[in-house]
Structure formats: structure tokens, C-alpha cells
Amino acid sequence: MITTRFSEKLSRLLHGENVEMNLSISKLIEKSLFREEGFLTSKGALSVKTGKYTGRSPKDKYIVEEDSVKDKIDWGSVNQPISRERFAALYEQVMQHLTSKDELFVSHGYAGADPAYRLPIQIINESAWHNVFARQLFIRPDDTFQQTDESAFTIISAPCFKADPERDGTKSETFIIISFEERVVLIGGTEYAGEMKKSIFSVMNFLLPEQNVLSMHCSANVGEEGDTALFFGLSGTGKTTLSADPTRYLIGDDEHGWSDNGVFNIEGGCYAKCVNLSYKKEPQIWNAIHFGTVLENVAVDSLSGVPDYDDTELTENTRAAYPLDNIPNALSNSMAGHPSTIIFLTADAFGVLPPISKLTKEQAMYHFLSGYTSKLAGTERGITEPQATFSTCFGSPFLPLDASRYAEMLGEKIEQHDVDVFLVNTGWSGGPYGVGKRMDLPYTRAMIQSALEGELQASESKQDPIFGLHVPLQCPGVPDKLLQPALTWSNKEAYIEKANELARQFQTNFEKFSNMPEHVKEAGPKAHTPATVKY
């Protein structure tokens, strides 16, 4: 419930003479250029830099410890508490800071394409380009938007205001604070625009399950026959590439809800990675980058204005923010029916997971909670060989509730709608990273196509003795030998040793889910002595 002291301050700010309300994209870009916040590339995209923060600051994210939510939040290193008093003091300081600005940029929109679960949003920025970003990433307002709607959430982004950790109780100059009672996201000390997007996703991950809607960090598309598919996967697994199928309609590429009505996109735009972007590999993203798009931290030639997507000197987390309708086959209403297929994507650098396997409901819940992929040698300082990484529900930084809540909802919906679930390994085959070879993209596409078209249902399968996965013996367009990873290794004993190593890491990671039922715990990989394993 919004209290008077907060709402009055917000109202005074919004009615100030320095407020520019709901400017058009072209006008906002004009403002950005005049204020020297960025410049236009050869294709007209707005190129900007985000300063020293080129990605999210998860250690600086807080949720206000309020009576109505404190017993529901899964408190810990992801969901850090901050007192109402600390929040109120920061809120007051940010308001004073913004009031002194020559210009503020305010826009309105929504999160949630389904009107039944739509969250009104208003965004207050001291940077014009941040307001461009917000206008492109959230769903644009229509005639039904009510500025005075008490259900609305307000994002207040003040990157030029820096916290004092000793005074304000923060860990650094940066803070991202969510207050569910005041319906406010308060951001300061960072210019990285993705904090706005992901904060609202965190809000929806709290609000939607309360309405019996499963919120999901995934991409989604739908075929001509209305067959909806979901794609879950961490960075580097091919989620965006594989869901961008020219023969299917894109619902959205990152955040979705699954209600009793079906699947809907939470956003109105895409926040695509640009590192090593090429027309050949990702033509839809390449063509989407033009006037109105925000390019973050991408190297651009100062004379020609041409972006260099291979230049990662500043960061590998280069991004493009553009509206969903920049994608030619995007579904106009961003809504579709219940999924018939779910794909979990992993890039296994150990080279031991099958390229595709069918999961039971219990296995689906297990692998959903695990959220496994690999970090490769050389991607981070100190990593000299592939390391398993696990992100709960493929989105642990954005989950305010206990992970079991999301997993149980997924299991219920899989059973209710008789959904086929597959684990697809886009990683290595024939050996680990450095020895084997990464799965060819055409083979992965053929496997996913077979899964979406139901062709693997009739295929005979074999259960993997270590991972327990049901692996098809044949798949159209894919060599039979490739489907069984043990057969692609020259040394069978080395394969078993590496598979056992990964199985034990799965088991260790899953120990934190002690509240899950035994039949889910038992659905995961199990290390075996080599003598008992037969391939």
C-alpha cells in the first residue's frame, strides 16, 4: 500500500517544470544527441556507453524488508534486505537530486502482454537515452493506461546520484532497491540500463506466482498450427539463435508468463547480445539494429559510424535494445496458447551430455532447478578448464520467492497440459572442450525441429546409465552415432570418468533443494563405478 509521504514527493516531482513527459522516440534521441549522451551509427542506431558498469550489479540489489512481503521473500545473497528507514532516506536524497536537474524524462508503459496480468509502469530518468531504452523494452502505452493507477510501479533511475555506503548502509555507490509496498524501483550509481529491465522482471517474478502464473526466464515462439515452444538456457547456450526461427512466430526472447490462458511476453522489446554479431549467423538481430535502437558499449568507427561487434575491449556484454516489432516474424499481440514443447538448452563443455534427450516431469523439475551450463577456460580470470555453473530456474538473480515455488508450478503445468520436455546440449561432442568439437548448429536445429514436430516420440530411446536421460537412437538429419555421446569418445573410460565428474557436481549443487520431494531428488544424475556402466 503506497503511503502518503512517498506518493506526495513523487507527485511533486512528476509535476515539476523540468519534466518532459512521454516524448516520442525521435524527440528523445534528439535530446540525447543534444545532451551529448551518445551518437548515431551508420544505420541510425543510438550508440552509448554505460561507464564503469557494463553489466548488472547483483551484489548491490536489495528488497525493502516490509511487513507484507518479508515472510514470502527467499532472503539471502540474491535477495538482500534493506530497512524501510534506509530506503526512505535514499528515496528522499534521490528526489532532491532529481528536482535539481534541468530536465527529467518520464514515460509510461506496461509489463505483461496479457491484459489480465498487465502491470502499469512509469519510468523516471535523468538521461534521455535511458528513457529511449525503457520505451523500447517495455510495452508501449495505449489509451487504457491510467497514470494514477495505484497498481503501477515506478522506476526512478538516477545514475548520477551515488550512495555513501557508510551513511546509506549500501555496499557501494550503486543501489537497486525494490519496494513492493511503495511500488517503487529505486536505482542509483549505475548507468547500465539493464537494471531497469531486470528489476521489473524481479517484480513480476514476485507478483505473477501470487496470481497462479508461472514467470519464466525463457524465449518463446509458436508455429503455424499454434504449437507453442519455450526455450530455457543460460548465456552462450544458443537460446536467442535457436528460438529465432524464420518458420515460426516469435512471442518474445527473454521473459514470459504462463497462465491459465497460455503464454505471454512480459516485455515489448529485445535486449540482444551483440558480441560477434554477424548477418550470416543472426540476420534478424542484425537487421533489427537501426534508428530507434540503443547500442550499449559497442565499438563504433569514429569516421564511418560502422559498429565493430567483434571488438570486446570494453566488455563482452555489448547489447542492442529495440522494440519487438523490429523482428519481422514477431507475434503482434505477444500471446499464444499453452506450450506443447519445452527445450532446456545447455552448452556442456565436458562433452558428456547427449545432444538431445527426453525428460520425465520429475527430470524436468530437476534440470529446471539445476539450470546447468559450462563456463569455458579463458572466459574469466583463473578459469583454466571448463567449469560447471548452475543458475536456479535459469534465472536465479531475479527470483524473489523460494525456487521450489517456480519448480512446482512448472511440474503442475507440464502434467496438466501434457508437455514434452527435452534437454538439448549445444556444447561439445567427442571429448571435452579443447579435445572434442562443438555441436554443429544444423544438427542442433534438426534435433529441435524433430522435437517440435513430435518425430522423436516414435523413435526408440535408450536410458543413459549415469544421467538417467532417455536418449533417442535416431533423429532425422543427425548421424546415429552422434546421439550417443559415449560412442563419440575414443576412450570410453575417459568418458565415464568425465561423466561421473559432472554427475557429482549436479548432486552437490542439488543439495540446497532439500525441501523438494524425493522423486525429484532421485531424478538427477548418479555417479557410478566404471565397472557397472555399459554403453
Protein backbone atom coordinates (compact mmCIF):
# COMPACT_ATOMS: atom_id res chain seq x y z
CA MET A 1 0.00 0.00 0.00
CA ILE A 2 1.53 3.30 -1.10
CA THR A 3 1.96 5.73 1.79
CA THR A 4 1.27 9.45 1.59
CA ARG A 5 4.83 10.60 2.30
CA PHE A 6 6.16 8.73 -0.73
CA SER A 7 3.28 9.49 -3.12
CA GLU A 8 3.29 13.22 -2.38
CA LYS A 9 7.01 13.52 -3.10
CA LEU A 10 6.57 11.54 -6.31
CA SER A 11 3.62 13.66 -7.41
CA ARG A 12 5.56 16.89 -6.84
CA LEU A 13 8.48 15.53 -8.86
CA LEU A 14 6.25 14.45 -11.76
CA HIS A 15 4.60 17.87 -11.92
CA GLY A 16 7.86 19.79 -11.91
CA GLU A 17 8.72 22.23 -14.68
CA ASN A 18 11.79 20.16 -15.61
CA VAL A 19 9.72 17.09 -16.58
CA GLU A 20 9.48 16.02 -20.24
CA MET A 21 6.51 13.62 -20.37
CA ASN A 22 6.14 10.78 -22.91
CA LEU A 23 8.34 12.24 -25.63
CA SER A 24 8.47 10.37 -28.92
CA ILE A 25 11.45 8.14 -29.68
CA SER A 26 12.73 10.62 -32.28
CA LYS A 27 12.44 13.52 -29.83
CA LEU A 28 14.21 11.54 -27.08
CA ILE A 29 17.03 10.67 -29.46
CA GLU A 30 17.27 14.33 -30.48
CA LYS A 31 17.58 15.20 -26.78
CA SER A 32 20.23 12.51 -26.28
CA LEU A 33 22.32 13.87 -29.14
CA PHE A 34 21.95 17.48 -27.95
CA ARG A 35 23.00 16.42 -24.42
CA GLU A 36 25.96 14.51 -25.91
CA GLU A 37 24.86 11.26 -24.30
CA GLY A 38 25.60 9.32 -27.48
CA PHE A 39 25.85 9.49 -31.27
CA LEU A 40 24.23 7.83 -34.28
CA THR A 41 25.81 4.90 -36.10
CA SER A 42 25.82 4.47 -39.87
CA LYS A 43 22.41 2.75 -39.64
CA GLY A 44 20.96 5.34 -37.26
CA ALA A 45 21.18 3.39 -34.01
CA LEU A 46 21.96 5.41 -30.88
CA SER A 47 25.41 4.40 -29.63
CA VAL A 48 26.01 4.95 -25.89
CA LYS A 49 28.48 3.95 -23.20
CA THR A 50 27.47 2.96 -19.67
CA GLY A 51 30.62 3.99 -17.84
CA LYS A 52 32.38 1.59 -15.49
CA TYR A 53 29.27 -0.56 -15.06
CA THR A 54 28.86 -2.58 -18.26
CA GLY A 55 26.60 -5.18 -16.66
CA ARG A 56 24.29 -5.74 -13.71
CA SER A 57 25.44 -5.24 -10.10
CA PRO A 58 23.80 -8.20 -8.31
CA LYS A 59 25.61 -7.51 -5.02
CA ASP A 60 24.02 -4.04 -4.93
CA LYS A 61 20.43 -5.23 -5.31
CA TYR A 62 18.05 -5.02 -2.34
CA ILE A 63 14.42 -5.61 -1.40
CA VAL A 64 12.86 -3.45 1.31
CA GLU A 65 12.04 -5.55 4.36
CA GLU A 66 8.33 -4.73 4.62
CA ASP A 67 5.69 -6.48 6.71
CA SER A 68 3.57 -7.58 3.74
CA VAL A 69 6.41 -9.39 1.96
CA LYS A 70 9.13 -10.28 4.47
CA ASP A 71 7.72 -13.76 5.14
CA LYS A 72 7.46 -14.54 1.40
CA ILE A 73 10.90 -13.45 0.16
CA ASP A 74 13.71 -16.00 -0.13
CA TRP A 75 16.24 -13.83 1.69
CA GLY A 76 19.94 -14.40 1.06
CA SER A 77 22.79 -13.28 -1.18
CA VAL A 78 20.40 -12.77 -4.12
CA ASN A 79 17.56 -11.10 -2.21
CA GLN A 80 19.30 -8.85 0.28
CA PRO A 81 17.14 -6.98 2.80
CA ILE A 82 17.28 -3.25 3.40
CA SER A 83 15.29 -1.47 6.10
CA ARG A 84 12.39 0.86 5.40
CA GLU A 85 14.36 3.64 7.12
CA ARG A 86 17.39 3.21 4.84
CA PHE A 87 15.15 3.10 1.78
CA ALA A 88 13.20 6.20 2.84
CA ALA A 89 16.42 8.15 3.41
CA LEU A 90 17.79 7.21 -0.03
CA TYR A 91 14.44 7.95 -1.64
CA GLU A 92 14.48 11.47 -0.14
CA GLN A 93 18.03 12.13 -1.33
CA VAL A 94 17.30 10.91 -4.87
CA MET A 95 14.18 13.08 -5.04
CA GLN A 96 16.21 16.15 -4.07
CA HIS A 97 18.85 15.21 -6.64
CA LEU A 98 16.31 14.84 -9.46
CA THR A 99 14.46 18.03 -8.56
CA SER A 100 17.67 19.99 -9.18
CA LYS A 101 18.08 18.62 -12.73
CA ASP A 102 17.38 20.83 -15.76
CA GLU A 103 15.45 18.03 -17.44
CA LEU A 104 13.79 14.77 -16.39
CA PHE A 105 12.33 12.28 -18.84
CA VAL A 106 9.20 10.36 -17.91
CA SER A 107 7.43 7.68 -19.92
CA HIS A 108 4.69 5.13 -19.33
CA GLY A 109 4.22 1.54 -20.36
CA TYR A 110 3.41 -1.97 -19.24
CA ALA A 111 4.97 -5.26 -18.28
CA GLY A 112 2.84 -8.22 -19.40
CA ALA A 113 1.18 -8.56 -22.79
CA ASP A 114 -1.89 -10.33 -21.39
CA PRO A 115 -4.28 -7.59 -20.15
CA ALA A 116 -5.38 -9.87 -17.30
CA TYR A 117 -1.88 -9.76 -15.79
CA ARG A 118 -0.60 -6.43 -17.04
CA LEU A 119 1.47 -4.22 -14.72
CA PRO A 120 1.41 -0.46 -15.45
CA ILE A 121 4.84 1.15 -15.22
CA GLN A 122 6.10 4.71 -15.18
CA ILE A 123 9.80 5.40 -15.69
CA ILE A 124 11.65 8.49 -14.48
CA ASN A 125 15.12 9.08 -15.94
CA GLU A 126 17.72 11.81 -15.74
CA SER A 127 19.22 10.55 -19.02
CA ALA A 128 17.25 10.84 -22.25
CA TRP A 129 18.82 7.67 -23.67
CA HIS A 130 17.67 5.67 -20.64
CA ASN A 131 14.14 6.76 -21.46
CA VAL A 132 14.63 5.59 -25.06
CA PHE A 133 15.73 2.22 -23.67
CA ALA A 134 12.67 1.98 -21.41
CA ARG A 135 10.29 2.94 -24.21
CA GLN A 136 11.74 0.19 -26.42
CA LEU A 137 12.00 -2.59 -23.82
CA PHE A 138 8.63 -2.24 -22.09
CA ILE A 139 5.24 -2.50 -23.77
CA ARG A 140 4.20 0.85 -25.19
CA PRO A 141 1.16 2.52 -23.55
CA ASP A 142 -2.30 2.59 -25.06
CA ASP A 143 -5.50 4.51 -24.36
CA THR A 144 -6.29 2.36 -21.31
CA PHE A 145 -3.21 3.44 -19.33
CA GLN A 146 -4.02 5.29 -16.12
CA GLN A 147 -1.20 7.36 -14.62
CA THR A 148 -2.98 7.40 -11.27
CA ASP A 149 -3.42 3.62 -11.18
CA GLU A 150 -2.26 2.56 -7.70
CA SER A 151 -1.13 -0.80 -9.08
CA ALA A 152 1.55 0.96 -11.17
CA PHE A 153 5.22 0.50 -10.37
CA THR A 154 7.54 3.49 -10.72
CA ILE A 155 11.16 3.12 -11.80
CA ILE A 156 13.27 6.02 -10.56
CA SER A 157 16.71 5.87 -12.19
CA ALA A 158 19.33 8.38 -11.08
CA PRO A 159 22.73 7.12 -12.26
CA CYS A 160 24.47 10.38 -11.35
CA PHE A 161 23.45 10.05 -7.71
CA LYS A 162 25.95 7.92 -5.81
CA ALA A 163 25.29 6.38 -2.43
CA ASP A 164 27.62 6.74 0.53
CA PRO A 165 27.93 3.20 1.96
CA GLU A 166 28.76 4.44 5.46
CA ARG A 167 25.81 6.82 5.51
CA ASP A 168 23.30 4.83 3.46
CA GLY A 169 24.04 1.24 4.50
CA THR A 170 24.84 0.07 0.96
CA LYS A 171 27.83 -1.99 -0.16
CA SER A 172 28.94 0.53 -2.76
CA GLU A 173 27.91 3.73 -4.52
CA THR A 174 25.40 1.68 -6.51
CA PHE A 175 21.95 0.53 -5.36
CA ILE A 176 18.97 -1.16 -6.97
CA ILE A 177 16.13 -1.28 -4.45
CA ILE A 178 12.64 -2.75 -4.85
CA SER A 179 9.85 -1.66 -2.50
CA PHE A 180 6.74 -3.77 -3.03
CA GLU A 181 4.63 -1.70 -0.64
CA GLU A 182 5.57 1.65 -2.17
CA ARG A 183 5.57 0.17 -5.71
CA VAL A 184 8.96 1.71 -6.44
CA VAL A 185 12.23 0.57 -8.01
CA LEU A 186 14.96 2.99 -6.92
CA ILE A 187 18.22 2.88 -8.93
CA GLY A 188 21.35 4.96 -8.42
CA GLY A 189 25.08 4.95 -9.08
CA THR A 190 24.99 2.92 -12.32
CA GLU A 191 24.33 3.87 -15.93
CA TYR A 192 23.72 0.27 -17.02
CA ALA A 193 20.18 0.39 -18.42
CA GLY A 194 19.59 -3.34 -17.99
CA GLU A 195 18.98 -2.75 -14.28
CA MET A 196 15.58 -1.25 -15.17
CA LYS A 197 14.57 -4.23 -17.29
CA LYS A 198 15.68 -6.87 -14.81
CA SER A 199 14.23 -5.08 -11.78
CA ILE A 200 10.76 -5.19 -13.30
CA PHE A 201 11.34 -8.86 -14.17
CA SER A 202 12.11 -9.46 -10.47
CA VAL A 203 8.89 -7.64 -9.58
CA MET A 204 6.90 -9.82 -11.99
CA ASN A 205 8.59 -12.93 -10.57
CA PHE A 206 7.03 -11.97 -7.24
CA LEU A 207 3.62 -10.77 -8.43
CA LEU A 208 2.73 -13.38 -11.08
CA PRO A 209 3.05 -16.56 -8.99
CA GLU A 210 0.68 -14.91 -6.49
CA GLN A 211 -1.85 -14.97 -9.36
CA ASN A 212 -1.06 -18.60 -10.24
CA VAL A 213 1.04 -17.52 -13.23
CA LEU A 214 4.48 -19.07 -13.74
CA SER A 215 7.01 -16.37 -14.58
CA MET A 216 9.89 -17.66 -16.70
CA HIS A 217 13.30 -16.54 -17.94
CA CYS A 218 12.99 -18.02 -21.43
CA SER A 219 12.31 -17.27 -25.07
CA ALA A 220 9.14 -18.46 -26.79
CA ASN A 221 7.82 -18.99 -30.30
CA VAL A 222 4.78 -20.54 -31.96
CA GLY A 223 4.21 -22.41 -35.22
CA GLU A 224 1.55 -22.01 -37.89
CA GLU A 225 -0.54 -24.70 -36.18
CA GLY A 226 -0.47 -22.88 -32.83
CA ASP A 227 2.16 -25.17 -31.28
CA THR A 228 3.95 -23.06 -28.69
CA ALA A 229 7.52 -23.81 -27.60
CA LEU A 230 9.61 -22.46 -24.72
CA PHE A 231 13.43 -22.23 -24.76
CA PHE A 232 15.31 -22.01 -21.46
CA GLY A 233 19.08 -21.52 -21.38
CA LEU A 234 21.88 -19.51 -19.85
CA SER A 235 24.24 -17.24 -21.77
CA GLY A 236 26.11 -19.00 -24.57
CA THR A 237 23.69 -21.89 -24.98
CA GLY A 238 22.04 -20.54 -28.15
CA LYS A 239 18.66 -19.54 -26.71
CA THR A 240 18.20 -16.44 -28.87
CA THR A 241 19.64 -18.04 -32.01
CA LEU A 242 17.56 -21.23 -31.78
CA SER A 243 14.28 -19.54 -30.87
CA ALA A 244 14.63 -17.07 -33.77
CA ASP A 245 13.22 -19.48 -36.34
CA PRO A 246 12.01 -17.85 -39.59
CA THR A 247 9.38 -20.59 -39.96
CA ARG A 248 7.80 -19.76 -36.59
CA TYR A 249 6.46 -16.61 -34.92
CA LEU A 250 8.47 -15.05 -32.09
CA ILE A 251 6.46 -14.40 -28.93
CA GLY A 252 9.46 -12.97 -27.09
CA ASP A 253 13.14 -13.62 -26.47
CA ASP A 254 13.68 -13.37 -22.71
CA GLU A 255 10.79 -13.07 -20.21
CA HIS A 256 7.38 -14.76 -20.21
CA GLY A 257 4.41 -15.69 -18.09
CA TRP A 258 2.41 -18.93 -18.32
CA SER A 259 -1.15 -18.51 -17.09
CA ASP A 260 -4.37 -20.49 -17.44
CA ASN A 261 -4.79 -18.66 -20.76
CA GLY A 262 -1.42 -19.68 -22.20
CA VAL A 263 1.94 -17.95 -22.67
CA PHE A 264 2.51 -14.19 -22.88
CA ASN A 265 5.55 -11.97 -23.25
CA ILE A 266 6.37 -9.76 -20.29
CA GLU A 267 8.25 -7.24 -22.44
CA GLY A 268 7.73 -5.16 -25.54
CA GLY A 269 11.27 -5.35 -26.84
CA CYS A 270 14.50 -7.30 -27.12
CA TYR A 271 17.81 -6.77 -25.31
CA ALA A 272 20.05 -8.79 -27.58
CA LYS A 273 23.72 -9.57 -27.05
CA CYS A 274 25.88 -8.14 -29.83
CA VAL A 275 29.23 -9.82 -29.21
CA ASN A 276 30.45 -11.35 -32.51
CA LEU A 277 27.13 -10.49 -34.16
CA SER A 278 27.05 -11.22 -37.88
CA TYR A 279 24.42 -11.10 -40.59
CA LYS A 280 25.13 -14.71 -41.54
CA LYS A 281 24.55 -16.16 -38.07
CA GLU A 282 21.79 -13.88 -36.75
CA PRO A 283 20.20 -11.91 -39.61
CA GLN A 284 17.09 -10.98 -37.60
CA ILE A 285 19.09 -9.23 -34.87
CA TRP A 286 21.43 -7.66 -37.44
CA ASN A 287 18.52 -6.18 -39.39
CA ALA A 288 16.73 -5.02 -36.22
CA ILE A 289 19.52 -2.57 -35.38
CA HIS A 290 18.58 0.74 -36.97
CA PHE A 291 17.07 4.09 -35.94
CA GLY A 292 15.43 3.80 -32.53
CA THR A 293 17.73 1.01 -31.39
CA VAL A 294 20.06 1.66 -28.46
CA LEU A 295 23.53 0.15 -28.84
CA GLU A 296 25.30 -0.23 -25.50
CA ASN A 297 29.10 -0.34 -25.22
CA VAL A 298 29.62 -1.40 -28.85
CA ALA A 299 32.83 -0.19 -30.52
CA VAL A 300 31.95 2.11 -33.44
CA ASP A 301 34.34 3.52 -36.04
CA SER A 302 34.52 7.27 -35.45
CA LEU A 303 34.68 8.12 -39.16
CA SER A 304 32.31 5.65 -40.83
CA GLY A 305 29.95 5.11 -37.90
CA VAL A 306 30.06 1.34 -38.54
CA PRO A 307 29.87 -0.86 -35.41
CA ASP A 308 32.56 -3.47 -34.77
CA TYR A 309 30.73 -6.27 -33.00
CA ASP A 310 33.91 -8.33 -32.66
CA ASP A 311 35.64 -5.68 -30.54
CA THR A 312 35.28 -6.73 -26.87
CA GLU A 313 37.94 -4.47 -25.37
CA LEU A 314 35.34 -2.59 -23.32
CA THR A 315 33.13 -5.58 -22.47
CA GLU A 316 31.81 -8.82 -23.90
CA ASN A 317 28.36 -7.77 -22.69
CA THR A 318 27.61 -5.50 -25.64
CA ARG A 319 23.87 -5.06 -26.18
CA ALA A 320 21.19 -3.79 -28.55
CA ALA A 321 17.79 -2.68 -27.27
CA TYR A 322 14.98 -2.47 -29.83
CA PRO A 323 11.19 -2.97 -29.98
CA LEU A 324 9.84 -6.43 -30.71
CA ASP A 325 8.27 -5.30 -33.98
CA ASN A 326 11.77 -4.80 -35.41
CA ILE A 327 11.70 -8.59 -35.81
CA PRO A 328 9.71 -9.44 -38.98
CA ASN A 329 8.02 -12.59 -37.65
CA ALA A 330 7.26 -11.29 -34.17
CA LEU A 331 3.72 -12.07 -32.99
CA SER A 332 1.87 -8.77 -32.82
CA ASN A 333 -0.01 -9.42 -29.56
CA SER A 334 2.87 -11.39 -27.95
CA MET A 335 0.47 -14.08 -26.69
CA ALA A 336 -0.06 -17.73 -27.61
CA GLY A 337 -1.55 -20.94 -26.27
CA HIS A 338 -0.15 -23.45 -23.81
CA PRO A 339 3.26 -24.92 -24.73
CA SER A 340 3.41 -28.33 -26.35
CA THR A 341 7.22 -28.45 -26.10
CA ILE A 342 9.82 -27.14 -23.68
CA ILE A 343 13.52 -27.07 -24.57
CA PHE A 344 16.22 -26.79 -21.89
CA LEU A 345 19.47 -25.67 -23.54
CA THR A 346 22.91 -26.34 -22.11
CA ALA A 347 26.41 -25.91 -23.53
CA ASP A 348 28.19 -28.83 -21.87
CA ALA A 349 31.94 -28.26 -22.24
CA PHE A 350 32.64 -31.64 -20.61
CA GLY A 351 31.30 -33.28 -23.77
CA VAL A 352 29.28 -35.93 -21.91
CA LEU A 353 25.62 -34.88 -22.11
CA PRO A 354 23.57 -36.23 -25.05
CA PRO A 355 22.81 -33.71 -27.82
CA ILE A 356 19.11 -34.31 -27.17
CA SER A 357 17.18 -36.33 -24.60
CA LYS A 358 13.60 -36.63 -23.40
CA LEU A 359 12.82 -35.75 -19.77
CA THR A 360 10.15 -37.04 -17.43
CA LYS A 361 8.22 -34.47 -15.40
CA GLU A 362 10.48 -35.14 -12.41
CA GLN A 363 13.62 -34.81 -14.52
CA ALA A 364 12.26 -31.58 -15.97
CA MET A 365 11.81 -30.17 -12.47
CA TYR A 366 15.30 -31.35 -11.50
CA HIS A 367 17.02 -29.78 -14.51
CA PHE A 368 14.90 -26.63 -14.22
CA LEU A 369 16.10 -26.17 -10.66
CA SER A 370 19.69 -27.02 -11.68
CA GLY A 371 19.93 -24.60 -14.65
CA TYR A 372 23.23 -26.09 -15.79
CA THR A 373 25.74 -24.96 -18.39
CA SER A 374 29.56 -24.58 -18.57
CA LYS A 375 31.93 -21.67 -18.22
CA LEU A 376 34.80 -22.08 -20.64
CA ALA A 377 38.50 -21.79 -19.97
CA GLY A 378 39.69 -18.25 -20.62
CA THR A 379 36.31 -16.55 -20.23
CA GLU A 380 37.17 -15.44 -16.69
CA ARG A 381 40.48 -14.89 -14.96
CA GLY A 382 41.55 -18.03 -13.08
CA ILE A 383 39.45 -20.46 -15.13
CA THR A 384 41.90 -22.83 -16.81
CA GLU A 385 39.46 -25.61 -17.63
CA PRO A 386 35.69 -25.86 -18.15
CA GLN A 387 33.64 -25.31 -15.00
CA ALA A 388 30.06 -26.31 -14.35
CA THR A 389 27.80 -23.39 -13.48
CA PHE A 390 24.27 -23.64 -12.14
CA SER A 391 21.63 -20.88 -12.18
CA THR A 392 18.41 -21.90 -10.46
CA CYS A 393 15.43 -21.94 -12.83
CA PHE A 394 17.77 -20.48 -15.47
CA GLY A 395 17.42 -17.11 -13.74
CA SER A 396 18.47 -17.19 -10.08
CA PRO A 397 19.38 -13.47 -9.82
CA PHE A 398 15.75 -12.50 -10.48
CA LEU A 399 13.77 -14.86 -8.22
CA PRO A 400 12.36 -13.24 -5.06
CA LEU A 401 10.48 -16.41 -3.99
CA ASP A 402 11.81 -19.80 -2.97
CA ALA A 403 12.90 -21.69 -6.09
CA SER A 404 10.68 -24.65 -5.21
CA ARG A 405 7.64 -22.44 -5.86
CA TYR A 406 8.59 -21.99 -9.52
CA ALA A 407 9.62 -25.65 -9.99
CA GLU A 408 6.38 -26.97 -8.51
CA MET A 409 4.34 -24.70 -10.77
CA LEU A 410 6.32 -25.91 -13.79
CA GLY A 411 5.71 -29.55 -12.85
CA GLU A 412 1.98 -28.94 -12.43
CA LYS A 413 1.70 -27.20 -15.81
CA ILE A 414 3.73 -29.90 -17.60
CA GLU A 415 1.37 -32.54 -16.25
CA GLN A 416 -1.80 -30.51 -16.82
CA HIS A 417 -1.00 -29.73 -20.47
CA ASP A 418 0.91 -32.93 -21.33
CA VAL A 419 4.04 -31.02 -22.39
CA ASP A 420 7.07 -32.74 -23.96
CA VAL A 421 10.33 -31.61 -22.35
CA PHE A 422 13.77 -32.06 -23.92
CA LEU A 423 17.31 -31.34 -22.76
CA VAL A 424 19.42 -30.16 -25.71
CA ASN A 425 23.20 -29.95 -25.45
CA THR A 426 24.65 -27.34 -27.80
CA GLY A 427 28.11 -27.92 -26.33
CA TRP A 428 30.83 -30.43 -27.11
CA SER A 429 30.91 -33.94 -28.54
CA GLY A 430 33.73 -36.48 -28.90
CA GLY A 431 35.59 -35.11 -25.90
CA PRO A 432 35.68 -32.07 -23.63
CA TYR A 433 36.40 -28.51 -24.72
CA GLY A 434 39.84 -28.45 -26.35
CA VAL A 435 39.59 -32.08 -27.48
CA GLY A 436 36.13 -32.60 -28.90
CA LYS A 437 34.14 -30.47 -31.31
CA ARG A 438 31.18 -28.20 -30.63
CA MET A 439 27.86 -29.48 -31.91
CA ASP A 440 27.17 -28.31 -35.45
CA LEU A 441 24.33 -25.80 -35.49
CA PRO A 442 22.49 -27.56 -38.40
CA TYR A 443 22.39 -30.78 -36.33
CA THR A 444 21.02 -28.92 -33.31
CA ARG A 445 18.38 -27.24 -35.47
CA ALA A 446 17.40 -30.63 -36.92
CA MET A 447 17.00 -32.10 -33.43
CA ILE A 448 14.89 -29.20 -32.22
CA GLN A 449 12.74 -29.35 -35.34
CA SER A 450 12.16 -33.08 -34.75
CA ALA A 451 11.26 -32.37 -31.12
CA LEU A 452 8.81 -29.62 -32.08
CA GLU A 453 7.19 -31.75 -34.78
CA GLY A 454 6.79 -34.79 -32.50
CA GLU A 455 9.05 -37.01 -34.59
CA LEU A 456 11.11 -38.15 -31.59
CA GLN A 457 8.08 -39.63 -29.85
CA ALA A 458 8.10 -42.61 -32.20
CA SER A 459 11.88 -43.04 -32.07
CA GLU A 460 13.30 -45.84 -29.94
CA SER A 461 15.30 -44.50 -26.99
CA LYS A 462 17.93 -45.71 -24.57
CA GLN A 463 18.27 -44.56 -20.96
CA ASP A 464 21.71 -43.20 -20.13
CA PRO A 465 23.08 -45.12 -17.09
CA ILE A 466 24.70 -42.08 -15.45
CA PHE A 467 22.39 -39.20 -16.34
CA GLY A 468 19.16 -41.21 -16.46
CA LEU A 469 18.11 -39.36 -19.61
CA HIS A 470 16.07 -41.02 -22.35
CA VAL A 471 18.21 -40.64 -25.48
CA PRO A 472 16.68 -41.27 -28.95
CA LEU A 473 18.61 -43.76 -31.08
CA GLN A 474 17.64 -41.97 -34.28
CA CYS A 475 16.78 -38.44 -35.32
CA PRO A 476 16.15 -37.26 -38.91
CA GLY A 477 19.13 -35.34 -40.28
CA VAL A 478 21.52 -36.37 -37.48
CA PRO A 479 24.10 -39.22 -37.57
CA ASP A 480 23.01 -42.02 -35.19
CA LYS A 481 26.45 -42.18 -33.53
CA LEU A 482 26.30 -38.51 -32.58
CA LEU A 483 23.19 -39.08 -30.45
CA GLN A 484 25.10 -41.33 -28.02
CA PRO A 485 27.97 -39.22 -26.59
CA ALA A 486 29.92 -42.19 -25.23
CA LEU A 487 30.25 -43.55 -28.78
CA THR A 488 31.89 -40.33 -29.99
CA TRP A 489 34.77 -40.58 -27.50
CA SER A 490 37.87 -42.57 -28.48
CA ASN A 491 38.42 -43.57 -24.84
CA LYS A 492 35.29 -44.99 -23.16
CA GLU A 493 36.87 -45.00 -19.68
CA ALA A 494 37.77 -41.32 -20.02
CA TYR A 495 34.16 -40.58 -20.98
CA ILE A 496 32.81 -42.40 -17.91
CA GLU A 497 35.26 -40.58 -15.63
CA LYS A 498 34.24 -37.19 -17.02
CA ALA A 499 30.51 -38.06 -16.91
CA ASN A 500 30.85 -39.10 -13.27
CA GLU A 501 32.64 -35.83 -12.51
CA LEU A 502 29.72 -33.82 -13.91
CA ALA A 503 27.14 -36.08 -12.20
CA ARG A 504 28.75 -35.43 -8.81
CA GLN A 505 28.63 -31.67 -9.43
CA PHE A 506 24.92 -31.94 -10.20
CA GLN A 507 24.40 -33.84 -6.95
CA THR A 508 26.38 -31.35 -4.88
CA ASN A 509 24.50 -28.40 -6.35
CA PHE A 510 21.11 -30.04 -5.72
CA GLU A 511 21.78 -30.48 -2.00
CA LYS A 512 20.47 -26.94 -1.46
CA PHE A 513 17.00 -28.05 -2.60
CA SER A 514 16.39 -30.21 0.47
CA ASN A 515 12.70 -29.26 0.52
CA MET A 516 11.99 -30.92 -2.83
CA PRO A 517 10.18 -34.32 -2.90
CA GLU A 518 12.32 -37.44 -3.05
CA HIS A 519 11.08 -38.39 -6.52
CA VAL A 520 12.50 -35.11 -7.85
CA LYS A 521 15.81 -35.50 -5.99
CA GLU A 522 16.15 -39.02 -7.41
CA ALA A 523 15.56 -37.81 -10.99
CA GLY A 524 19.06 -36.38 -11.37
CA PRO A 525 22.41 -37.86 -12.47
CA LYS A 526 24.11 -40.52 -10.35
CA ALA A 527 27.82 -41.31 -10.41
CA HIS A 528 28.65 -45.00 -10.95
CA THR A 529 31.77 -47.12 -10.69
CA PRO A 530 33.13 -47.73 -14.21
CA ALA A 531 32.63 -51.49 -13.96
CA THR A 532 28.85 -51.07 -13.59
CA VAL A 533 28.42 -48.73 -16.58
CA LYS A 534 27.73 -50.17 -20.01
CA TYR A 535 27.45 -48.22 -23.27
